[in-house]
C-alpha cells in the first residue's frame, strides 16, 4: 500500500511485501494515466530521497522516469 502525501512529492509505503508494493505502484500509475491524479514528481519515499529508496525499483517498473530531482510520472 502507498500513500501519496499532499503535493505528490512524497510517498509512504505501508508494506514490505514486494508483490503488494508492485501492485500499489501500478495502481498509482493507472490513477495518473486515467486522470484521477495529475503528474507526480516524487522527491522523497519513506523519508529518504526517492532515487535511493527501496521503492525506486518498483516505481520505475510501474513507469516512473528518473529525473535529477527524483522520479516523475506524467499523465
PDB file of N, CA and C in Angstrom:
ATOM      1  N   UNK A   1       0.838  -1.156   0.000  1.00  0.00           N
ATOM      2  CA  UNK A   1       0.000   0.000   0.000  1.00  0.00           C
ATOM      3  C   UNK A   1       0.901   1.242   0.000  1.00  0.00           C
ATOM      4  N   UNK A   2       0.527   2.251  -0.802  1.00  0.00           N
ATOM      5  CA  UNK A   2       1.274   3.504  -0.882  1.00  0.00           C
ATOM      6  C   UNK A   2       0.365   4.671  -0.552  1.00  0.00           C
ATOM      7  N   UNK A   3       0.924   5.652   0.112  1.00  0.00           N
ATOM      8  CA  UNK A   3       0.208   6.889   0.426  1.00  0.00           C
ATOM      9  C   UNK A   3       0.962   8.041  -0.221  1.00  0.00           C
ATOM     10  N   UNK A   4       0.257   8.811  -1.048  1.00  0.00           N
ATOM     11  CA  UNK A   4       0.842   9.992  -1.677  1.00  0.00           C
ATOM     12  C   UNK A   4       0.534  11.180  -0.778  1.00  0.00           C
ATOM     13  N   UNK A   5       1.568  11.821  -0.266  1.00  0.00           N
ATOM     14  CA  UNK A   5       1.363  12.981   0.592  1.00  0.00           C
ATOM     15  C   UNK A   5       0.927  14.182  -0.236  1.00  0.00           C
ATOM     16  N   UNK A   6       0.320  15.124   0.409  1.00  0.00           N
ATOM     17  CA  UNK A   6      -0.180  16.325  -0.250  1.00  0.00           C
ATOM     18  C   UNK A   6       0.921  16.961  -1.106  1.00  0.00           C
ATOM     19  N   UNK A   7       0.586  17.279  -2.337  1.00  0.00           N
ATOM     20  CA  UNK A   7       1.544  17.863  -3.259  1.00  0.00           C
ATOM     21  C   UNK A   7       2.218  16.835  -4.153  1.00  0.00           C
ATOM     22  N   UNK A   8       2.133  15.561  -3.793  1.00  0.00           N
ATOM     23  CA  UNK A   8       2.662  14.490  -4.625  1.00  0.00           C
ATOM     24  C   UNK A   8       4.169  14.375  -4.666  1.00  0.00           C
ATOM     25  N   UNK A   9       4.872  15.032  -3.748  1.00  0.00           N
ATOM     26  CA  UNK A   9       6.334  14.964  -3.765  1.00  0.00           C
ATOM     27  C   UNK A   9       6.892  13.907  -2.826  1.00  0.00           C
ATOM     28  N   UNK A  10       6.028  13.343  -1.995  1.00  0.00           N
ATOM     29  CA  UNK A  10       6.467  12.322  -1.041  1.00  0.00           C
ATOM     30  C   UNK A  10       5.511  11.139  -1.062  1.00  0.00           C
ATOM     31  N   UNK A  11       6.083   9.961  -0.912  1.00  0.00           N
ATOM     32  CA  UNK A  11       5.312   8.721  -0.809  1.00  0.00           C
ATOM     33  C   UNK A  11       5.683   8.012   0.482  1.00  0.00           C
ATOM     34  N   UNK A  12       4.712   7.344   1.049  1.00  0.00           N
ATOM     35  CA  UNK A  12       4.953   6.473   2.198  1.00  0.00           C
ATOM     36  C   UNK A  12       4.433   5.093   1.845  1.00  0.00           C
ATOM     37  N   UNK A  13       5.185   4.066   2.198  1.00  0.00           N
ATOM     38  CA  UNK A  13       4.717   2.699   1.961  1.00  0.00           C
ATOM     39  C   UNK A  13       4.297   2.081   3.288  1.00  0.00           C
ATOM     40  N   UNK A  14       3.311   1.206   3.205  1.00  0.00           N
ATOM     41  CA  UNK A  14       2.796   0.535   4.394  1.00  0.00           C
ATOM     42  C   UNK A  14       2.847  -0.977   4.223  1.00  0.00           C
ATOM     43  N   UNK A  15       3.869  -1.427   3.519  1.00  0.00           N
ATOM     44  CA  UNK A  15       4.074  -2.857   3.322  1.00  0.00           C
ATOM     45  C   UNK A  15       5.551  -3.092   3.029  1.00  0.00           C
ATOM     46  N   UNK A  16       6.008  -4.271   3.349  1.00  0.00           N
ATOM     47  CA  UNK A  16       7.364  -4.667   2.969  1.00  0.00           C
ATOM     48  C   UNK A  16       7.323  -5.774   1.926  1.00  0.00           C
ATOM     49  N   UNK A  17       6.119  -6.215   1.573  1.00  0.00           N
ATOM     50  CA  UNK A  17       5.954  -7.276   0.582  1.00  0.00           C
ATOM     51  C   UNK A  17       6.092  -6.698  -0.820  1.00  0.00           C
ATOM     52  N   UNK A  18       7.065  -7.188  -1.567  1.00  0.00           N
ATOM     53  CA  UNK A  18       7.327  -6.671  -2.913  1.00  0.00           C
ATOM     54  C   UNK A  18       6.090  -6.743  -3.812  1.00  0.00           C
ATOM     55  N   UNK A  19       5.366  -7.859  -3.776  1.00  0.00           N
ATOM     56  CA  UNK A  19       4.193  -8.019  -4.634  1.00  0.00           C
ATOM     57  C   UNK A  19       3.149  -6.942  -4.356  1.00  0.00           C
ATOM     58  N   UNK A  20       2.946  -6.622  -3.092  1.00  0.00           N
ATOM     59  CA  UNK A  20       1.984  -5.582  -2.720  1.00  0.00           C
ATOM     60  C   UNK A  20       2.458  -4.213  -3.190  1.00  0.00           C
ATOM     61  N   UNK A  21       3.749  -3.938  -3.064  1.00  0.00           N
ATOM     62  CA  UNK A  21       4.290  -2.650  -3.499  1.00  0.00           C
ATOM     63  C   UNK A  21       4.221  -2.502  -5.014  1.00  0.00           C
ATOM     64  N   UNK A  22       4.495  -3.577  -5.738  1.00  0.00           N
ATOM     65  CA  UNK A  22       4.398  -3.539  -7.201  1.00  0.00           C
ATOM     66  C   UNK A  22       2.957  -3.257  -7.612  1.00  0.00           C
ATOM     67  N   UNK A  23       2.008  -3.956  -7.004  1.00  0.00           N
ATOM     68  CA  UNK A  23       0.593  -3.738  -7.326  1.00  0.00           C
ATOM     69  C   UNK A  23       0.180  -2.307  -7.004  1.00  0.00           C
ATOM     70  N   UNK A  24       0.627  -1.790  -5.868  1.00  0.00           N
ATOM     71  CA  UNK A  24       0.280  -0.419  -5.478  1.00  0.00           C
ATOM     72  C   UNK A  24       0.902   0.597  -6.431  1.00  0.00           C
ATOM     73  N   UNK A  25       2.144   0.370  -6.848  1.00  0.00           N
ATOM     74  CA  UNK A  25       2.809   1.286  -7.783  1.00  0.00           C
ATOM     75  C   UNK A  25       2.094   1.297  -9.127  1.00  0.00           C
ATOM     76  N   UNK A  26       1.660   0.142  -9.595  1.00  0.00           N
ATOM     77  CA  UNK A  26       0.925   0.076 -10.862  1.00  0.00           C
ATOM     78  C   UNK A  26      -0.455   0.724 -10.727  1.00  0.00           C
ATOM     79  N   UNK A  27      -1.098   0.560  -9.583  1.00  0.00           N
ATOM     80  CA  UNK A  27      -2.385   1.223  -9.360  1.00  0.00           C
ATOM     81  C   UNK A  27      -2.209   2.739  -9.331  1.00  0.00           C
ATOM     82  N   UNK A  28      -1.146   3.207  -8.716  1.00  0.00           N
ATOM     83  CA  UNK A  28      -0.853   4.639  -8.679  1.00  0.00           C
ATOM     84  C   UNK A  28      -0.603   5.162 -10.087  1.00  0.00           C
ATOM     85  N   UNK A  29       0.178   4.439 -10.872  1.00  0.00           N
ATOM     86  CA  UNK A  29       0.434   4.838 -12.261  1.00  0.00           C
ATOM     87  C   UNK A  29      -0.865   4.856 -13.060  1.00  0.00           C
ATOM     88  N   UNK A  30      -1.725   3.883 -12.826  1.00  0.00           N
ATOM     89  CA  UNK A  30      -3.019   3.851 -13.507  1.00  0.00           C
ATOM     90  C   UNK A  30      -3.870   5.056 -13.162  1.00  0.00           C
ATOM     91  N   UNK A  31      -3.851   5.475 -11.900  1.00  0.00           N
ATOM     92  CA  UNK A  31      -4.617   6.653 -11.483  1.00  0.00           C
ATOM     93  C   UNK A  31      -4.113   7.910 -12.180  1.00  0.00           C
ATOM     94  N   UNK A  32      -2.815   7.996 -12.393  1.00  0.00           N
ATOM     95  CA  UNK A  32      -2.245   9.148 -13.107  1.00  0.00           C
ATOM     96  C   UNK A  32      -2.656   9.098 -14.573  1.00  0.00           C
ATOM     97  N   UNK A  33      -2.498   7.950 -15.208  1.00  0.00           N
ATOM     98  CA  UNK A  33      -2.806   7.822 -16.637  1.00  0.00           C
ATOM     99  C   UNK A  33      -4.295   7.999 -16.929  1.00  0.00           C
ATOM    100  N   UNK A  34      -5.158   7.628 -15.982  1.00  0.00           N
ATOM    101  CA  UNK A  34      -6.599   7.766 -16.176  1.00  0.00           C
ATOM    102  C   UNK A  34      -7.112   9.148 -15.788  1.00  0.00           C
ATOM    103  N   UNK A  35      -6.233  10.001 -15.281  1.00  0.00           N
ATOM    104  CA  UNK A  35      -6.620  11.364 -14.956  1.00  0.00           C
ATOM    105  C   UNK A  35      -7.133  11.598 -13.546  1.00  0.00           C
ATOM    106  N   UNK A  36      -7.112  10.583 -12.707  1.00  0.00           N
ATOM    107  CA  UNK A  36      -7.552  10.750 -11.317  1.00  0.00           C
ATOM    108  C   UNK A  36      -6.553  11.585 -10.527  1.00  0.00           C
ATOM    109  N   UNK A  37      -5.300  11.481 -10.901  1.00  0.00           N
ATOM    110  CA  UNK A  37      -4.230  12.275 -10.287  1.00  0.00           C
ATOM    111  C   UNK A  37      -3.482  12.988 -11.397  1.00  0.00           C
ATOM    112  N   UNK A  38      -2.914  14.133 -11.068  1.00  0.00           N
ATOM    113  CA  UNK A  38      -2.064  14.827 -12.029  1.00  0.00           C
ATOM    114  C   UNK A  38      -0.691  14.176 -12.065  1.00  0.00           C
ATOM    115  N   UNK A  39       0.188  14.733 -12.839  1.00  0.00           N
ATOM    116  CA  UNK A  39       1.561  14.226 -12.895  1.00  0.00           C
ATOM    117  C   UNK A  39       2.180  14.241 -11.504  1.00  0.00           C
ATOM    118  N   UNK A  40       3.019  13.254 -11.246  1.00  0.00           N
ATOM    119  CA  UNK A  40       3.694  13.160  -9.949  1.00  0.00           C
ATOM    120  C   UNK A  40       5.192  13.333 -10.128  1.00  0.00           C
ATOM    121  N   UNK A  41       5.799  14.063  -9.226  1.00  0.00           N
ATOM    122  CA  UNK A  41       7.252  14.222  -9.174  1.00  0.00           C
ATOM    123  C   UNK A  41       7.675  13.872  -7.754  1.00  0.00           C
ATOM    124  N   UNK A  42       7.976  12.612  -7.532  1.00  0.00           N
ATOM    125  CA  UNK A  42       8.273  12.100  -6.195  1.00  0.00           C
ATOM    126  C   UNK A  42       9.737  12.365  -5.862  1.00  0.00           C
ATOM    127  N   UNK A  43       9.944  13.204  -4.851  1.00  0.00           N
ATOM    128  CA  UNK A  43      11.297  13.544  -4.418  1.00  0.00           C
ATOM    129  C   UNK A  43      11.741  12.722  -3.213  1.00  0.00           C
ATOM    130  N   UNK A  44      10.772  12.290  -2.384  1.00  0.00           N
ATOM    131  CA  UNK A  44      11.093  11.517  -1.190  1.00  0.00           C
ATOM    132  C   UNK A  44      10.155  10.318  -1.099  1.00  0.00           C
ATOM    133  N   UNK A  45      10.700   9.207  -0.647  1.00  0.00           N
ATOM    134  CA  UNK A  45       9.912   7.996  -0.441  1.00  0.00           C
ATOM    135  C   UNK A  45      10.356   7.369   0.870  1.00  0.00           C
ATOM    136  N   UNK A  46       9.415   7.180   1.744  1.00  0.00           N
ATOM    137  CA  UNK A  46       9.702   6.620   3.073  1.00  0.00           C
ATOM    138  C   UNK A  46      10.796   7.393   3.805  1.00  0.00           C
ATOM    139  N   UNK A  47      10.793   8.706   3.643  1.00  0.00           N
ATOM    140  CA  UNK A  47      11.696   9.567   4.402  1.00  0.00           C
ATOM    141  C   UNK A  47      13.086   9.760   3.827  1.00  0.00           C
ATOM    142  N   UNK A  48      13.370   9.159   2.684  1.00  0.00           N
ATOM    143  CA  UNK A  48      14.682   9.336   2.045  1.00  0.00           C
ATOM    144  C   UNK A  48      14.479   9.800   0.607  1.00  0.00           C
ATOM    145  N   UNK A  49      15.542  10.242  -0.034  1.00  0.00           N
ATOM    146  CA  UNK A  49      15.447  10.633  -1.432  1.00  0.00           C
ATOM    147  C   UNK A  49      14.898   9.484  -2.268  1.00  0.00           C
ATOM    148  N   UNK A  50      13.980   9.783  -3.160  1.00  0.00           N
ATOM    149  CA  UNK A  50      13.295   8.713  -3.893  1.00  0.00           C
ATOM    150  C   UNK A  50      14.238   7.868  -4.738  1.00  0.00           C
ATOM    151  N   UNK A  51      15.300   8.465  -5.267  1.00  0.00           N
ATOM    152  CA  UNK A  51      16.223   7.694  -6.106  1.00  0.00           C
ATOM    153  C   UNK A  51      16.998   6.651  -5.312  1.00  0.00           C
ATOM    154  N   UNK A  52      17.201   6.888  -4.029  1.00  0.00           N
ATOM    155  CA  UNK A  52      17.924   5.947  -3.185  1.00  0.00           C
ATOM    156  C   UNK A  52      17.021   5.102  -2.309  1.00  0.00           C
ATOM    157  N   UNK A  53      15.730   5.206  -2.506  1.00  0.00           N
ATOM    158  CA  UNK A  53      14.789   4.486  -1.651  1.00  0.00           C
ATOM    159  C   UNK A  53      14.565   3.065  -2.137  1.00  0.00           C
ATOM    160  N   UNK A  54      14.016   2.253  -1.265  1.00  0.00           N
ATOM    161  CA  UNK A  54      13.659   0.883  -1.624  1.00  0.00           C
ATOM    162  C   UNK A  54      12.529   0.854  -2.653  1.00  0.00           C
ATOM    163  N   UNK A  55      11.771   1.933  -2.759  1.00  0.00           N
ATOM    164  CA  UNK A  55      10.649   1.998  -3.699  1.00  0.00           C
ATOM    165  C   UNK A  55      11.067   2.361  -5.120  1.00  0.00           C
ATOM    166  N   UNK A  56      12.279   2.826  -5.316  1.00  0.00           N
ATOM    167  CA  UNK A  56      12.713   3.299  -6.640  1.00  0.00           C
ATOM    168  C   UNK A  56      12.518   2.238  -7.719  1.00  0.00           C
ATOM    169  N   UNK A  57      12.879   1.018  -7.441  1.00  0.00           N
ATOM    170  CA  UNK A  57      12.774  -0.040  -8.449  1.00  0.00           C
ATOM    171  C   UNK A  57      11.325  -0.326  -8.829  1.00  0.00           C
ATOM    172  N   UNK A  58      10.446  -0.454  -7.835  1.00  0.00           N
ATOM    173  CA  UNK A  58       9.050  -0.759  -8.169  1.00  0.00           C
ATOM    174  C   UNK A  58       8.374   0.418  -8.869  1.00  0.00           C
ATOM    175  N   UNK A  59       8.750   1.634  -8.517  1.00  0.00           N
ATOM    176  CA  UNK A  59       8.165   2.797  -9.188  1.00  0.00           C
ATOM    177  C   UNK A  59       8.627   2.889 -10.642  1.00  0.00           C
ATOM    178  N   UNK A  60       9.891   2.623 -10.900  1.00  0.00           N
ATOM    179  CA  UNK A  60      10.361   2.667 -12.292  1.00  0.00           C
ATOM    180  C   UNK A  60       9.741   1.531 -13.105  1.00  0.00           C
ATOM    181  N   UNK A  61       9.525   0.389 -12.492  1.00  0.00           N
ATOM    182  CA  UNK A  61       8.835  -0.709 -13.182  1.00  0.00           C
ATOM    183  C   UNK A  61       7.409  -0.318 -13.550  1.00  0.00           C
ATOM    184  N   UNK A  62       6.799   0.551 -12.746  1.00  0.00           N
ATOM    185  CA  UNK A  62       5.425   0.996 -12.997  1.00  0.00           C
ATOM    186  C   UNK A  62       5.360   2.144 -13.998  1.00  0.00           C
ATOM    187  N   UNK A  63       6.523   2.639 -14.447  1.00  0.00           N
ATOM    188  CA  UNK A  63       6.521   3.677 -15.472  1.00  0.00           C
ATOM    189  C   UNK A  63       7.088   5.016 -15.066  1.00  0.00           C
ATOM    190  N   UNK A  64       7.474   5.170 -13.812  1.00  0.00           N
ATOM    191  CA  UNK A  64       8.096   6.417 -13.380  1.00  0.00           C
ATOM    192  C   UNK A  64       9.454   6.553 -14.054  1.00  0.00           C
ATOM    193  N   UNK A  65       9.840   7.778 -14.370  1.00  0.00           N
ATOM    194  CA  UNK A  65      11.116   8.058 -15.024  1.00  0.00           C
ATOM    195  C   UNK A  65      12.044   8.789 -14.062  1.00  0.00           C
ATOM    196  N   UNK A  66      13.323   8.486 -14.162  1.00  0.00           N
ATOM    197  CA  UNK A  66      14.329   9.127 -13.318  1.00  0.00           C
ATOM    198  C   UNK A  66      14.579  10.543 -13.824  1.00  0.00           C
ATOM    199  N   UNK A  67      14.566  11.503 -12.894  1.00  0.00           N
ATOM    200  CA  UNK A  67      14.902  12.895 -13.185  1.00  0.00           C
ATOM    201  C   UNK A  67      15.947  13.331 -12.162  1.00  0.00           C
ATOM    202  N   UNK A  68      16.572  14.481 -12.359  1.00  0.00           N
ATOM    203  CA  UNK A  68      17.557  14.941 -11.374  1.00  0.00           C
ATOM    204  C   UNK A  68      16.984  15.115  -9.963  1.00  0.00           C
ATOM    205  N   UNK A  69      15.690  15.416  -9.848  1.00  0.00           N
ATOM    206  CA  UNK A  69      15.084  15.632  -8.533  1.00  0.00           C
ATOM    207  C   UNK A  69      14.438  14.389  -7.942  1.00  0.00           C
ATOM    208  N   UNK A  70      14.254  13.354  -8.736  1.00  0.00           N
ATOM    209  CA  UNK A  70      13.586  12.170  -8.213  1.00  0.00           C
ATOM    210  C   UNK A  70      12.956  11.346  -9.312  1.00  0.00           C
ATOM    211  N   UNK A  71      11.732  10.897  -9.072  1.00  0.00           N
ATOM    212  CA  UNK A  71      11.012  10.047 -10.016  1.00  0.00           C
ATOM    213  C   UNK A  71       9.744  10.759 -10.470  1.00  0.00           C
ATOM    214  N   UNK A  72       9.513  10.783 -11.779  1.00  0.00           N
ATOM    215  CA  UNK A  72       8.374  11.515 -12.335  1.00  0.00           C
ATOM    216  C   UNK A  72       7.509  10.593 -13.179  1.00  0.00           C
ATOM    217  N   UNK A  73       6.198  10.814 -13.059  1.00  0.00           N
ATOM    218  CA  UNK A  73       5.229  10.133 -13.910  1.00  0.00           C
ATOM    219  C   UNK A  73       4.269  11.182 -14.429  1.00  0.00           C
ATOM    220  N   UNK A  74       4.181  11.282 -15.729  1.00  0.00           N
ATOM    221  CA  UNK A  74       3.295  12.265 -16.358  1.00  0.00           C
ATOM    222  C   UNK A  74       2.000  11.600 -16.795  1.00  0.00           C
ATOM    223  N   UNK A  75       0.942  12.380 -16.746  1.00  0.00           N
ATOM    224  CA  UNK A  75      -0.383  11.898 -17.153  1.00  0.00           C
ATOM    225  C   UNK A  75      -0.444  11.649 -18.643  1.00  0.00           C
TER     226      UNK A  75
END
